[in-house]
Amino acid sequence: MSKTLEDLEKENISLVKDLGDLKTKMSEFFKKQETNVPKTKEAEVDVSILEEAKKKASLEQERKELENEILQVASFNQYMLDSFKESDFFDDEVKQIFEVAKEKTYKNQTERANDIKISVFESVFGKQKNLEILPSSIQNKINGFFKFSSQKKNEVIKSYFEYIQIAKDIYEEKKKSEYNLKMREKGYVNDKTMEYEKRIFEIRNKKESQKNQ
Protein backbone atom coordinates (compact mmCIF):
# COMPACT_ATOMS: atom_id res chain seq x y z
CA MET A 1 0.00 0.00 0.00
CA SER A 2 1.34 3.45 -0.94
CA LYS A 3 2.03 6.15 1.64
CA THR A 4 -0.87 8.23 0.29
CA LEU A 5 -3.34 5.39 0.90
CA GLU A 6 -1.97 4.75 4.38
CA ASP A 7 -2.30 8.43 5.28
CA LEU A 8 -5.90 8.56 4.02
CA GLU A 9 -6.84 5.49 6.04
CA LYS A 10 -5.21 6.93 9.18
CA GLU A 11 -6.96 10.26 8.65
CA ASN A 12 -10.34 8.58 8.30
CA ILE A 13 -9.78 6.60 11.49
CA SER A 14 -8.91 9.88 13.22
CA LEU A 15 -12.02 11.60 11.80
CA VAL A 16 -14.29 8.82 13.03
CA LYS A 17 -12.69 9.17 16.49
CA ASP A 18 -13.18 12.97 16.34
CA LEU A 19 -16.85 12.44 15.51
CA GLY A 20 -17.29 10.10 18.47
CA ASP A 21 -15.45 12.51 20.78
CA LEU A 22 -17.60 15.40 19.57
CA LYS A 23 -20.84 13.56 20.34
CA THR A 24 -19.56 12.53 23.78
CA LYS A 25 -18.35 16.03 24.70
CA MET A 26 -21.61 17.68 23.62
CA SER A 27 -23.66 15.11 25.53
CA GLU A 28 -21.58 15.69 28.67
CA PHE A 29 -21.86 19.46 28.24
CA PHE A 30 -25.65 19.42 28.07
CA LYS A 31 -25.88 17.13 31.11
CA LYS A 32 -23.63 19.51 33.02
CA GLN A 33 -25.82 22.45 32.01
CA GLU A 34 -28.89 20.67 33.33
CA THR A 35 -27.27 19.99 36.71
CA ASN A 36 -26.02 23.58 37.06
CA VAL A 37 -29.45 25.20 37.29
CA PRO A 38 -29.31 28.31 39.52
CA LYS A 39 -30.63 27.65 43.05
CA THR A 40 -31.50 31.17 44.23
CA LYS A 41 -34.25 33.45 42.95
CA GLU A 42 -31.68 36.22 42.35
CA ALA A 43 -29.65 33.96 40.06
CA GLU A 44 -32.76 32.75 38.26
CA VAL A 45 -33.46 36.31 37.17
CA ASP A 46 -30.07 36.50 35.43
CA VAL A 47 -30.72 33.63 33.07
CA SER A 48 -34.15 33.52 31.45
CA ILE A 49 -35.59 30.43 29.83
CA LEU A 50 -35.35 32.08 26.40
CA GLU A 51 -31.67 32.97 26.82
CA GLU A 52 -30.86 29.43 27.91
CA ALA A 53 -32.83 28.02 24.97
CA LYS A 54 -30.99 30.28 22.52
CA LYS A 55 -27.65 29.22 23.95
CA LYS A 56 -28.47 25.52 23.67
CA ALA A 57 -29.85 25.95 20.13
CA SER A 58 -26.69 27.77 19.07
CA LEU A 59 -24.46 25.06 20.51
CA GLU A 60 -26.55 22.34 18.90
CA GLN A 61 -26.27 24.09 15.52
CA GLU A 62 -22.48 24.33 15.91
CA ARG A 63 -22.35 20.63 16.77
CA LYS A 64 -24.38 19.70 13.68
CA GLU A 65 -22.22 21.83 11.40
CA LEU A 66 -19.00 20.36 12.79
CA GLU A 67 -20.40 16.84 12.60
CA ASN A 68 -21.48 17.41 8.99
CA GLU A 69 -18.03 18.80 8.17
CA ILE A 70 -16.31 15.70 9.59
CA LEU A 71 -18.68 13.34 7.76
CA GLN A 72 -18.18 15.09 4.41
CA VAL A 73 -14.40 15.02 4.71
CA ALA A 74 -14.43 11.36 5.78
CA SER A 75 -16.72 10.49 2.87
CA PHE A 76 -14.44 12.27 0.39
CA ASN A 77 -11.36 10.58 1.80
CA GLN A 78 -13.04 7.18 1.53
CA TYR A 79 -14.04 7.87 -2.07
CA MET A 80 -10.48 8.74 -3.04
CA LEU A 81 -9.12 5.82 -1.04
CA ASP A 82 -11.41 3.34 -2.81
CA SER A 83 -10.62 4.91 -6.18
CA PHE A 84 -6.86 4.62 -5.67
CA LYS A 85 -7.27 0.97 -4.73
CA GLU A 86 -9.73 -0.08 -7.44
CA SER A 87 -8.83 2.05 -10.47
CA ASP A 88 -5.89 3.59 -12.32
CA PHE A 89 -7.98 6.59 -13.38
CA PHE A 90 -6.17 8.87 -10.93
CA ASP A 91 -2.47 9.21 -11.68
CA ASP A 92 0.53 9.90 -9.42
CA GLU A 93 0.02 13.66 -9.75
CA VAL A 94 -3.31 13.35 -7.91
CA LYS A 95 -1.69 11.29 -5.15
CA GLN A 96 0.96 13.99 -4.74
CA ILE A 97 -1.79 16.56 -4.13
CA PHE A 98 -2.56 14.83 -0.83
CA GLU A 99 1.11 14.82 0.10
CA VAL A 100 1.47 18.56 -0.59
CA ALA A 101 -1.75 19.33 1.34
CA LYS A 102 -0.23 17.77 4.47
CA GLU A 103 2.37 20.55 4.55
CA LYS A 104 -0.21 23.36 4.33
CA THR A 105 -2.15 24.96 7.16
CA TYR A 106 -5.92 25.34 6.89
CA LYS A 107 -8.55 27.02 9.06
CA ASN A 108 -10.66 23.86 9.16
CA GLN A 109 -11.27 20.49 7.50
CA THR A 110 -13.72 21.93 4.97
CA GLU A 111 -11.18 24.43 3.66
CA ARG A 112 -8.62 21.63 3.32
CA ALA A 113 -11.06 19.28 1.56
CA ASN A 114 -12.14 21.99 -0.89
CA ASP A 115 -8.53 22.86 -1.70
CA ILE A 116 -7.78 19.19 -2.42
CA LYS A 117 -10.98 18.74 -4.46
CA ILE A 118 -10.21 21.77 -6.62
CA SER A 119 -6.64 20.59 -7.17
CA VAL A 120 -7.78 17.05 -8.05
CA PHE A 121 -10.47 18.43 -10.38
CA GLU A 122 -8.01 20.69 -12.23
CA SER A 123 -5.39 17.92 -12.37
CA VAL A 124 -7.84 15.43 -13.90
CA PHE A 125 -9.47 17.76 -16.40
CA GLY A 126 -6.27 19.63 -17.14
CA LYS A 127 -5.47 16.56 -19.23
CA GLN A 128 -7.27 16.59 -22.56
CA LYS A 129 -7.77 12.81 -22.65
CA ASN A 130 -9.98 12.98 -19.55
CA LEU A 131 -11.96 15.92 -20.86
CA GLU A 132 -12.59 14.44 -24.30
CA ILE A 133 -14.44 11.38 -23.02
CA LEU A 134 -17.24 13.60 -21.67
CA PRO A 135 -20.17 15.09 -23.64
CA SER A 136 -19.45 18.54 -25.10
CA SER A 137 -22.02 20.20 -22.80
CA ILE A 138 -20.12 19.02 -19.72
CA GLN A 139 -16.78 19.89 -21.32
CA ASN A 140 -17.97 23.49 -21.69
CA LYS A 141 -18.96 23.65 -18.00
CA ILE A 142 -15.60 22.25 -16.94
CA ASN A 143 -13.70 24.71 -19.14
CA GLY A 144 -15.72 27.46 -17.48
CA PHE A 145 -14.64 26.25 -14.04
CA PHE A 146 -10.98 27.00 -14.82
CA LYS A 147 -11.94 30.65 -15.39
CA PHE A 148 -13.71 31.07 -12.05
CA SER A 149 -12.22 33.08 -9.20
CA SER A 150 -10.82 31.21 -6.21
CA GLN A 151 -13.89 32.10 -4.16
CA LYS A 152 -16.28 30.91 -6.88
CA LYS A 153 -14.39 27.62 -7.24
CA ASN A 154 -14.81 26.98 -3.51
CA GLU A 155 -18.53 27.68 -3.77
CA VAL A 156 -19.21 25.29 -6.67
CA ILE A 157 -16.58 22.53 -6.36
CA LYS A 158 -18.98 20.21 -4.51
CA SER A 159 -21.36 20.00 -7.49
CA TYR A 160 -18.63 20.11 -10.15
CA PHE A 161 -16.71 17.28 -8.51
CA GLU A 162 -19.48 14.91 -9.65
CA TYR A 163 -18.12 15.22 -13.20
CA ILE A 164 -15.04 13.33 -12.05
CA GLN A 165 -17.16 10.30 -11.19
CA ILE A 166 -18.87 10.51 -14.59
CA ALA A 167 -15.50 10.64 -16.37
CA LYS A 168 -14.19 7.81 -14.20
CA ASP A 169 -17.21 5.61 -15.02
CA ILE A 170 -16.83 6.25 -18.76
CA TYR A 171 -13.09 5.55 -18.54
CA GLU A 172 -13.69 2.24 -16.73
CA GLU A 173 -16.39 1.18 -19.21
CA LYS A 174 -14.18 2.03 -22.17
CA LYS A 175 -11.28 0.15 -20.65
CA LYS A 176 -13.50 -2.89 -20.06
CA SER A 177 -14.78 -2.80 -23.65
CA GLU A 178 -11.26 -2.59 -25.05
CA TYR A 179 -10.22 -5.54 -22.90
CA ASN A 180 -13.18 -7.64 -24.04
CA LEU A 181 -12.40 -6.78 -27.67
CA LYS A 182 -8.80 -7.94 -27.27
CA MET A 183 -9.97 -11.17 -25.65
CA ARG A 184 -12.43 -11.73 -28.49
CA GLU A 185 -9.71 -11.17 -31.08
CA LYS A 186 -7.62 -13.80 -29.29
CA GLY A 187 -10.56 -16.21 -29.26
CA TYR A 188 -11.44 -15.77 -25.59
CA VAL A 189 -15.03 -15.00 -24.62
CA ASN A 190 -16.06 -14.92 -20.96
CA ASP A 191 -19.28 -16.44 -19.65
CA LYS A 192 -20.96 -13.08 -19.03
CA THR A 193 -20.32 -11.96 -22.60
CA MET A 194 -21.68 -15.24 -23.97
CA GLU A 195 -24.75 -14.99 -21.76
CA TYR A 196 -25.37 -11.40 -22.86
CA GLU A 197 -25.02 -12.29 -26.55
CA LYS A 198 -27.32 -15.28 -26.10
CA ARG A 199 -30.05 -13.02 -24.68
CA ILE A 200 -29.60 -10.57 -27.56
CA PHE A 201 -29.94 -13.33 -30.15
CA GLU A 202 -33.01 -14.71 -28.38
CA ILE A 203 -34.67 -11.29 -28.46
CA ARG A 204 -33.82 -10.86 -32.14
CA ASN A 205 -35.12 -14.32 -33.03
CA LYS A 206 -38.32 -13.66 -31.11
CA LYS A 207 -38.87 -10.40 -33.00
CA GLU A 208 -38.20 -12.10 -36.35
CA SER A 209 -40.61 -14.88 -35.44
CA GLN A 210 -43.34 -12.38 -34.56
CA LYS A 211 -42.85 -10.60 -37.90
CA ASN A 212 -43.29 -13.84 -39.84
CA GLN A 213 -46.52 -14.79 -38.06
C-alpha atoms as a PDB file:
ATOM      1  CA  MET A   1       0.000   0.000   0.000  1.00  0.00           C
ATOM      2  CA  SER A   2       1.343   3.446  -0.937  1.00  0.00           C
ATOM      3  CA  LYS A   3       2.031   6.152   1.640  1.00  0.00           C
ATOM      4  CA  THR A   4      -0.872   8.234   0.292  1.00  0.00           C
ATOM      5  CA  LEU A   5      -3.339   5.394   0.896  1.00  0.00           C
ATOM      6  CA  GLU A   6      -1.968   4.747   4.383  1.00  0.00           C
ATOM      7  CA  ASP A   7      -2.304   8.431   5.283  1.00  0.00           C
ATOM      8  CA  LEU A   8      -5.898   8.558   4.020  1.00  0.00           C
ATOM      9  CA  GLU A   9      -6.842   5.486   6.044  1.00  0.00           C
ATOM     10  CA  LYS A  10      -5.205   6.932   9.178  1.00  0.00           C
ATOM     11  CA  GLU A  11      -6.959  10.263   8.648  1.00  0.00           C
ATOM     12  CA  ASN A  12     -10.342   8.581   8.305  1.00  0.00           C
ATOM     13  CA  ILE A  13      -9.784   6.597  11.494  1.00  0.00           C
ATOM     14  CA  SER A  14      -8.908   9.875  13.219  1.00  0.00           C
ATOM     15  CA  LEU A  15     -12.017  11.598  11.804  1.00  0.00           C
ATOM     16  CA  VAL A  16     -14.285   8.821  13.034  1.00  0.00           C
ATOM     17  CA  LYS A  17     -12.687   9.174  16.488  1.00  0.00           C
ATOM     18  CA  ASP A  18     -13.183  12.969  16.340  1.00  0.00           C
ATOM     19  CA  LEU A  19     -16.852  12.438  15.509  1.00  0.00           C
ATOM     20  CA  GLY A  20     -17.286  10.105  18.472  1.00  0.00           C
ATOM     21  CA  ASP A  21     -15.446  12.508  20.778  1.00  0.00           C
ATOM     22  CA  LEU A  22     -17.601  15.400  19.567  1.00  0.00           C
ATOM     23  CA  LYS A  23     -20.844  13.563  20.339  1.00  0.00           C
ATOM     24  CA  THR A  24     -19.557  12.526  23.785  1.00  0.00           C
ATOM     25  CA  LYS A  25     -18.351  16.029  24.696  1.00  0.00           C
ATOM     26  CA  MET A  26     -21.613  17.681  23.617  1.00  0.00           C
ATOM     27  CA  SER A  27     -23.660  15.108  25.530  1.00  0.00           C
ATOM     28  CA  GLU A  28     -21.581  15.688  28.669  1.00  0.00           C
ATOM     29  CA  PHE A  29     -21.855  19.461  28.242  1.00  0.00           C
ATOM     30  CA  PHE A  30     -25.653  19.418  28.070  1.00  0.00           C
ATOM     31  CA  LYS A  31     -25.880  17.126  31.109  1.00  0.00           C
ATOM     32  CA  LYS A  32     -23.627  19.514  33.021  1.00  0.00           C
ATOM     33  CA  GLN A  33     -25.815  22.453  32.008  1.00  0.00           C
ATOM     34  CA  GLU A  34     -28.891  20.668  33.325  1.00  0.00           C
ATOM     35  CA  THR A  35     -27.270  19.985  36.709  1.00  0.00           C
ATOM     36  CA  ASN A  36     -26.015  23.575  37.056  1.00  0.00           C
ATOM     37  CA  VAL A  37     -29.454  25.196  37.286  1.00  0.00           C
ATOM     38  CA  PRO A  38     -29.311  28.308  39.525  1.00  0.00           C
ATOM     39  CA  LYS A  39     -30.631  27.653  43.050  1.00  0.00           C
ATOM     40  CA  THR A  40     -31.503  31.169  44.225  1.00  0.00           C
ATOM     41  CA  LYS A  41     -34.253  33.455  42.954  1.00  0.00           C
ATOM     42  CA  GLU A  42     -31.681  36.220  42.354  1.00  0.00           C
ATOM     43  CA  ALA A  43     -29.650  33.958  40.063  1.00  0.00           C
ATOM     44  CA  GLU A  44     -32.761  32.752  38.257  1.00  0.00           C
ATOM     45  CA  VAL A  45     -33.462  36.310  37.167  1.00  0.00           C
ATOM     46  CA  ASP A  46     -30.070  36.504  35.433  1.00  0.00           C
ATOM     47  CA  VAL A  47     -30.722  33.631  33.068  1.00  0.00           C
ATOM     48  CA  SER A  48     -34.148  33.520  31.452  1.00  0.00           C
ATOM     49  CA  ILE A  49     -35.593  30.426  29.828  1.00  0.00           C
ATOM     50  CA  LEU A  50     -35.352  32.080  26.402  1.00  0.00           C
ATOM     51  CA  GLU A  51     -31.667  32.970  26.820  1.00  0.00           C
ATOM     52  CA  GLU A  52     -30.865  29.429  27.910  1.00  0.00           C
ATOM     53  CA  ALA A  53     -32.831  28.023  24.966  1.00  0.00           C
ATOM     54  CA  LYS A  54     -30.986  30.279  22.518  1.00  0.00           C
ATOM     55  CA  LYS A  55     -27.646  29.216  23.949  1.00  0.00           C
ATOM     56  CA  LYS A  56     -28.473  25.518  23.669  1.00  0.00           C
ATOM     57  CA  ALA A  57     -29.852  25.952  20.127  1.00  0.00           C
ATOM     58  CA  SER A  58     -26.689  27.771  19.067  1.00  0.00           C
ATOM     59  CA  LEU A  59     -24.457  25.062  20.512  1.00  0.00           C
ATOM     60  CA  GLU A  60     -26.545  22.336  18.900  1.00  0.00           C
ATOM     61  CA  GLN A  61     -26.268  24.089  15.522  1.00  0.00           C
ATOM     62  CA  GLU A  62     -22.479  24.330  15.914  1.00  0.00           C
ATOM     63  CA  ARG A  63     -22.353  20.629  16.769  1.00  0.00           C
ATOM     64  CA  LYS A  64     -24.385  19.695  13.679  1.00  0.00           C
ATOM     65  CA  GLU A  65     -22.218  21.834  11.404  1.00  0.00           C
ATOM     66  CA  LEU A  66     -19.002  20.360  12.786  1.00  0.00           C
ATOM     67  CA  GLU A  67     -20.399  16.836  12.601  1.00  0.00           C
ATOM     68  CA  ASN A  68     -21.476  17.408   8.992  1.00  0.00           C
ATOM     69  CA  GLU A  69     -18.029  18.795   8.172  1.00  0.00           C
ATOM     70  CA  ILE A  70     -16.312  15.704   9.593  1.00  0.00           C
ATOM     71  CA  LEU A  71     -18.680  13.338   7.765  1.00  0.00           C
ATOM     72  CA  GLN A  72     -18.180  15.089   4.412  1.00  0.00           C
ATOM     73  CA  VAL A  73     -14.396  15.019   4.714  1.00  0.00           C
ATOM     74  CA  ALA A  74     -14.426  11.362   5.784  1.00  0.00           C
ATOM     75  CA  SER A  75     -16.718  10.491   2.869  1.00  0.00           C
ATOM     76  CA  PHE A  76     -14.442  12.275   0.388  1.00  0.00           C
ATOM     77  CA  ASN A  77     -11.356  10.583   1.804  1.00  0.00           C
ATOM     78  CA  GLN A  78     -13.035   7.179   1.534  1.00  0.00           C
ATOM     79  CA  TYR A  79     -14.045   7.871  -2.074  1.00  0.00           C
ATOM     80  CA  MET A  80     -10.479   8.743  -3.043  1.00  0.00           C
ATOM     81  CA  LEU A  81      -9.117   5.820  -1.035  1.00  0.00           C
ATOM     82  CA  ASP A  82     -11.410   3.335  -2.806  1.00  0.00           C
ATOM     83  CA  SER A  83     -10.623   4.909  -6.183  1.00  0.00           C
ATOM     84  CA  PHE A  84      -6.862   4.621  -5.667  1.00  0.00           C
ATOM     85  CA  LYS A  85      -7.269   0.969  -4.732  1.00  0.00           C
ATOM     86  CA  GLU A  86      -9.731  -0.080  -7.443  1.00  0.00           C
ATOM     87  CA  SER A  87      -8.825   2.050 -10.471  1.00  0.00           C
ATOM     88  CA  ASP A  88      -5.892   3.590 -12.319  1.00  0.00           C
ATOM     89  CA  PHE A  89      -7.982   6.586 -13.382  1.00  0.00           C
ATOM     90  CA  PHE A  90      -6.173   8.873 -10.930  1.00  0.00           C
ATOM     91  CA  ASP A  91      -2.468   9.209 -11.685  1.00  0.00           C
ATOM     92  CA  ASP A  92       0.525   9.902  -9.419  1.00  0.00           C
ATOM     93  CA  GLU A  93       0.018  13.660  -9.746  1.00  0.00           C
ATOM     94  CA  VAL A  94      -3.306  13.348  -7.909  1.00  0.00           C
ATOM     95  CA  LYS A  95      -1.689  11.293  -5.151  1.00  0.00           C
ATOM     96  CA  GLN A  96       0.963  13.995  -4.737  1.00  0.00           C
ATOM     97  CA  ILE A  97      -1.791  16.557  -4.132  1.00  0.00           C
ATOM     98  CA  PHE A  98      -2.564  14.828  -0.827  1.00  0.00           C
ATOM     99  CA  GLU A  99       1.114  14.818   0.097  1.00  0.00           C
ATOM    100  CA  VAL A 100       1.468  18.556  -0.589  1.00  0.00           C
ATOM    101  CA  ALA A 101      -1.746  19.332   1.342  1.00  0.00           C
ATOM    102  CA  LYS A 102      -0.226  17.774   4.468  1.00  0.00           C
ATOM    103  CA  GLU A 103       2.366  20.551   4.550  1.00  0.00           C
ATOM    104  CA  LYS A 104      -0.209  23.355   4.329  1.00  0.00           C
ATOM    105  CA  THR A 105      -2.145  24.960   7.161  1.00  0.00           C
ATOM    106  CA  TYR A 106      -5.923  25.341   6.894  1.00  0.00           C
ATOM    107  CA  LYS A 107      -8.549  27.022   9.063  1.00  0.00           C
ATOM    108  CA  ASN A 108     -10.657  23.858   9.164  1.00  0.00           C
ATOM    109  CA  GLN A 109     -11.273  20.492   7.500  1.00  0.00           C
ATOM    110  CA  THR A 110     -13.725  21.935   4.974  1.00  0.00           C
ATOM    111  CA  GLU A 111     -11.176  24.430   3.655  1.00  0.00           C
ATOM    112  CA  ARG A 112      -8.617  21.629   3.322  1.00  0.00           C
ATOM    113  CA  ALA A 113     -11.060  19.277   1.561  1.00  0.00           C
ATOM    114  CA  ASN A 114     -12.143  21.988  -0.886  1.00  0.00           C
ATOM    115  CA  ASP A 115      -8.532  22.863  -1.699  1.00  0.00           C
ATOM    116  CA  ILE A 116      -7.783  19.194  -2.420  1.00  0.00           C
ATOM    117  CA  LYS A 117     -10.981  18.742  -4.456  1.00  0.00           C
ATOM    118  CA  ILE A 118     -10.213  21.774  -6.623  1.00  0.00           C
ATOM    119  CA  SER A 119      -6.639  20.586  -7.172  1.00  0.00           C
ATOM    120  CA  VAL A 120      -7.783  17.052  -8.051  1.00  0.00           C
ATOM    121  CA  PHE A 121     -10.466  18.434 -10.382  1.00  0.00           C
ATOM    122  CA  GLU A 122      -8.012  20.689 -12.226  1.00  0.00           C
ATOM    123  CA  SER A 123      -5.391  17.917 -12.370  1.00  0.00           C
ATOM    124  CA  VAL A 124      -7.840  15.431 -13.897  1.00  0.00           C
ATOM    125  CA  PHE A 125      -9.470  17.762 -16.404  1.00  0.00           C
ATOM    126  CA  GLY A 126      -6.272  19.633 -17.137  1.00  0.00           C
ATOM    127  CA  LYS A 127      -5.471  16.558 -19.229  1.00  0.00           C
ATOM    128  CA  GLN A 128      -7.270  16.593 -22.562  1.00  0.00           C
ATOM    129  CA  LYS A 129      -7.768  12.810 -22.648  1.00  0.00           C
ATOM    130  CA  ASN A 130      -9.983  12.981 -19.546  1.00  0.00           C
ATOM    131  CA  LEU A 131     -11.958  15.922 -20.860  1.00  0.00           C
ATOM    132  CA  GLU A 132     -12.586  14.438 -24.302  1.00  0.00           C
ATOM    133  CA  ILE A 133     -14.437  11.385 -23.017  1.00  0.00           C
ATOM    134  CA  LEU A 134     -17.238  13.599 -21.673  1.00  0.00           C
ATOM    135  CA  PRO A 135     -20.167  15.087 -23.639  1.00  0.00           C
ATOM    136  CA  SER A 136     -19.453  18.537 -25.101  1.00  0.00           C
ATOM    137  CA  SER A 137     -22.018  20.197 -22.804  1.00  0.00           C
ATOM    138  CA  ILE A 138     -20.120  19.016 -19.725  1.00  0.00           C
ATOM    139  CA  GLN A 139     -16.776  19.893 -21.324  1.00  0.00           C
ATOM    140  CA  ASN A 140     -17.972  23.488 -21.690  1.00  0.00           C
ATOM    141  CA  LYS A 141     -18.957  23.653 -18.004  1.00  0.00           C
ATOM    142  CA  ILE A 142     -15.598  22.246 -16.938  1.00  0.00           C
ATOM    143  CA  ASN A 143     -13.700  24.713 -19.141  1.00  0.00           C
ATOM    144  CA  GLY A 144     -15.724  27.458 -17.481  1.00  0.00           C
ATOM    145  CA  PHE A 145     -14.638  26.250 -14.039  1.00  0.00           C
ATOM    146  CA  PHE A 146     -10.985  26.997 -14.821  1.00  0.00           C
ATOM    147  CA  LYS A 147     -11.938  30.653 -15.393  1.00  0.00           C
ATOM    148  CA  PHE A 148     -13.709  31.072 -12.046  1.00  0.00           C
ATOM    149  CA  SER A 149     -12.217  33.080  -9.203  1.00  0.00           C
ATOM    150  CA  SER A 150     -10.816  31.213  -6.211  1.00  0.00           C
ATOM    151  CA  GLN A 151     -13.893  32.101  -4.159  1.00  0.00           C
ATOM    152  CA  LYS A 152     -16.277  30.914  -6.884  1.00  0.00           C
ATOM    153  CA  LYS A 153     -14.393  27.617  -7.242  1.00  0.00           C
ATOM    154  CA  ASN A 154     -14.809  26.976  -3.514  1.00  0.00           C
ATOM    155  CA  GLU A 155     -18.531  27.681  -3.772  1.00  0.00           C
ATOM    156  CA  VAL A 156     -19.207  25.291  -6.673  1.00  0.00           C
ATOM    157  CA  ILE A 157     -16.582  22.531  -6.362  1.00  0.00           C
ATOM    158  CA  LYS A 158     -18.976  20.213  -4.513  1.00  0.00           C
ATOM    159  CA  SER A 159     -21.361  20.001  -7.493  1.00  0.00           C
ATOM    160  CA  TYR A 160     -18.627  20.111 -10.151  1.00  0.00           C
ATOM    161  CA  PHE A 161     -16.709  17.276  -8.511  1.00  0.00           C
ATOM    162  CA  GLU A 162     -19.482  14.908  -9.645  1.00  0.00           C
ATOM    163  CA  TYR A 163     -18.120  15.221 -13.196  1.00  0.00           C
ATOM    164  CA  ILE A 164     -15.036  13.328 -12.048  1.00  0.00           C
ATOM    165  CA  GLN A 165     -17.159  10.303 -11.191  1.00  0.00           C
ATOM    166  CA  ILE A 166     -18.874  10.512 -14.592  1.00  0.00           C
ATOM    167  CA  ALA A 167     -15.503  10.639 -16.366  1.00  0.00           C
ATOM    168  CA  LYS A 168     -14.188   7.814 -14.197  1.00  0.00           C
ATOM    169  CA  ASP A 169     -17.212   5.608 -15.022  1.00  0.00           C
ATOM    170  CA  ILE A 170     -16.825   6.248 -18.762  1.00  0.00           C
ATOM    171  CA  TYR A 171     -13.094   5.547 -18.540  1.00  0.00           C
ATOM    172  CA  GLU A 172     -13.687   2.244 -16.735  1.00  0.00           C
ATOM    173  CA  GLU A 173     -16.393   1.182 -19.209  1.00  0.00           C
ATOM    174  CA  LYS A 174     -14.182   2.031 -22.174  1.00  0.00           C
ATOM    175  CA  LYS A 175     -11.279   0.150 -20.646  1.00  0.00           C
ATOM    176  CA  LYS A 176     -13.501  -2.894 -20.056  1.00  0.00           C
ATOM    177  CA  SER A 177     -14.785  -2.796 -23.654  1.00  0.00           C
ATOM    178  CA  GLU A 178     -11.265  -2.590 -25.050  1.00  0.00           C
ATOM    179  CA  TYR A 179     -10.218  -5.539 -22.898  1.00  0.00           C
ATOM    180  CA  ASN A 180     -13.182  -7.643 -24.039  1.00  0.00           C
ATOM    181  CA  LEU A 181     -12.402  -6.780 -27.670  1.00  0.00           C
ATOM    182  CA  LYS A 182      -8.804  -7.937 -27.270  1.00  0.00           C
ATOM    183  CA  MET A 183      -9.973 -11.167 -25.648  1.00  0.00           C
ATOM    184  CA  ARG A 184     -12.431 -11.727 -28.486  1.00  0.00           C
ATOM    185  CA  GLU A 185      -9.709 -11.172 -31.080  1.00  0.00           C
ATOM    186  CA  LYS A 186      -7.620 -13.797 -29.293  1.00  0.00           C
ATOM    187  CA  GLY A 187     -10.555 -16.209 -29.260  1.00  0.00           C
ATOM    188  CA  TYR A 188     -11.442 -15.773 -25.592  1.00  0.00           C
ATOM    189  CA  VAL A 189     -15.030 -14.995 -24.624  1.00  0.00           C
ATOM    190  CA  ASN A 190     -16.058 -14.920 -20.959  1.00  0.00           C
ATOM    191  CA  ASP A 191     -19.276 -16.437 -19.652  1.00  0.00           C
ATOM    192  CA  LYS A 192     -20.962 -13.079 -19.025  1.00  0.00           C
ATOM    193  CA  THR A 193     -20.323 -11.956 -22.600  1.00  0.00           C
ATOM    194  CA  MET A 194     -21.683 -15.238 -23.969  1.00  0.00           C
ATOM    195  CA  GLU A 195     -24.752 -14.989 -21.755  1.00  0.00           C
ATOM    196  CA  TYR A 196     -25.372 -11.398 -22.858  1.00  0.00           C
ATOM    197  CA  GLU A 197     -25.017 -12.286 -26.548  1.00  0.00           C
ATOM    198  CA  LYS A 198     -27.321 -15.283 -26.096  1.00  0.00           C
ATOM    199  CA  ARG A 199     -30.046 -13.017 -24.681  1.00  0.00           C
ATOM    200  CA  ILE A 200     -29.601 -10.570 -27.555  1.00  0.00           C
ATOM    201  CA  PHE A 201     -29.938 -13.330 -30.149  1.00  0.00           C
ATOM    202  CA  GLU A 202     -33.012 -14.712 -28.378  1.00  0.00           C
ATOM    203  CA  ILE A 203     -34.672 -11.291 -28.457  1.00  0.00           C
ATOM    204  CA  ARG A 204     -33.823 -10.856 -32.138  1.00  0.00           C
ATOM    205  CA  ASN A 205     -35.115 -14.317 -33.027  1.00  0.00           C
ATOM    206  CA  LYS A 206     -38.318 -13.659 -31.115  1.00  0.00           C
ATOM    207  CA  LYS A 207     -38.870 -10.396 -33.005  1.00  0.00           C
ATOM    208  CA  GLU A 208     -38.202 -12.101 -36.348  1.00  0.00           C
ATOM    209  CA  SER A 209     -40.609 -14.877 -35.445  1.00  0.00           C
ATOM    210  CA  GLN A 210     -43.336 -12.378 -34.560  1.00  0.00           C
ATOM    211  CA  LYS A 211     -42.851 -10.603 -37.902  1.00  0.00           C
ATOM    212  CA  ASN A 212     -43.291 -13.835 -39.844  1.00  0.00           C
ATOM    213  CA  GLN A 213     -46.523 -14.789 -38.061  1.00  0.00           C
END
